[in-house]
Amino acid sequence: EGKLVAVVGVSDLVIVDTKDSLLVMQKSKDQDIKKIITQLEEKGEVERL
């Protein structure tokens, strides 16, 4: 709470903001999210997304 996230001069982004994580990625890279999820699963931190 109280956090400001500003993005200027970019387009076609996906922005996911949770209480302990921020994900900013191009929509065209949506398949790469699988890599991030795999890495988080390996570290036991998948609940962060």
Protein backbone atom coordinates (compact mmCIF):
# COMPACT_ATOMS: atom_id res chain seq x y z
CA GLU A 1 0.00 0.00 0.00
CA GLY A 2 1.10 3.51 -0.65
CA LYS A 3 3.37 2.36 -3.49
CA LEU A 4 3.29 4.35 -6.71
CA VAL A 5 4.24 2.58 -9.93
CA ALA A 6 4.60 4.82 -12.98
CA VAL A 7 5.44 3.67 -16.50
CA VAL A 8 6.03 6.25 -19.23
CA GLY A 9 6.80 5.97 -22.93
CA VAL A 10 6.20 2.25 -23.32
CA SER A 11 3.41 0.20 -24.86
CA ASP A 12 2.00 -3.30 -24.93
CA LEU A 13 3.02 -4.14 -21.38
CA VAL A 14 1.62 -6.49 -18.80
CA ILE A 15 2.03 -5.15 -15.28
CA VAL A 16 1.23 -7.36 -12.30
CA ASP A 17 1.64 -5.80 -8.87
CA THR A 18 1.18 -7.87 -5.73
CA LYS A 19 2.05 -7.07 -2.13
CA ASP A 20 5.58 -8.48 -2.47
CA SER A 21 6.30 -8.64 -6.22
CA LEU A 22 6.15 -6.51 -9.33
CA LEU A 23 6.22 -8.03 -12.83
CA VAL A 24 6.58 -5.79 -15.89
CA MET A 25 6.86 -7.51 -19.26
CA GLN A 26 6.01 -7.05 -22.91
CA LYS A 27 2.82 -8.79 -23.97
CA SER A 28 4.77 -10.44 -26.78
CA LYS A 29 6.91 -12.24 -24.18
CA ASP A 30 3.95 -13.90 -22.47
CA GLN A 31 5.37 -17.38 -23.06
CA ASP A 32 8.46 -16.43 -21.02
CA ILE A 33 6.33 -16.33 -17.86
CA LYS A 34 6.63 -20.12 -17.82
CA LYS A 35 10.38 -19.71 -17.26
CA ILE A 36 9.79 -17.41 -14.32
CA ILE A 37 7.24 -19.77 -12.78
CA THR A 38 9.65 -22.70 -13.18
CA GLN A 39 12.42 -20.73 -11.46
CA LEU A 40 10.12 -19.77 -8.60
CA GLU A 41 8.95 -23.37 -8.20
CA GLU A 42 12.58 -24.52 -7.98
CA LYS A 43 13.17 -21.99 -5.21
CA GLY A 44 9.90 -22.80 -3.43
CA GLU A 45 8.62 -19.26 -3.98
CA VAL A 46 5.82 -19.72 -6.52
CA GLU A 47 3.33 -18.09 -4.14
CA ARG A 48 5.04 -14.75 -4.79
CA LEU A 49 3.25 -14.35 -8.12
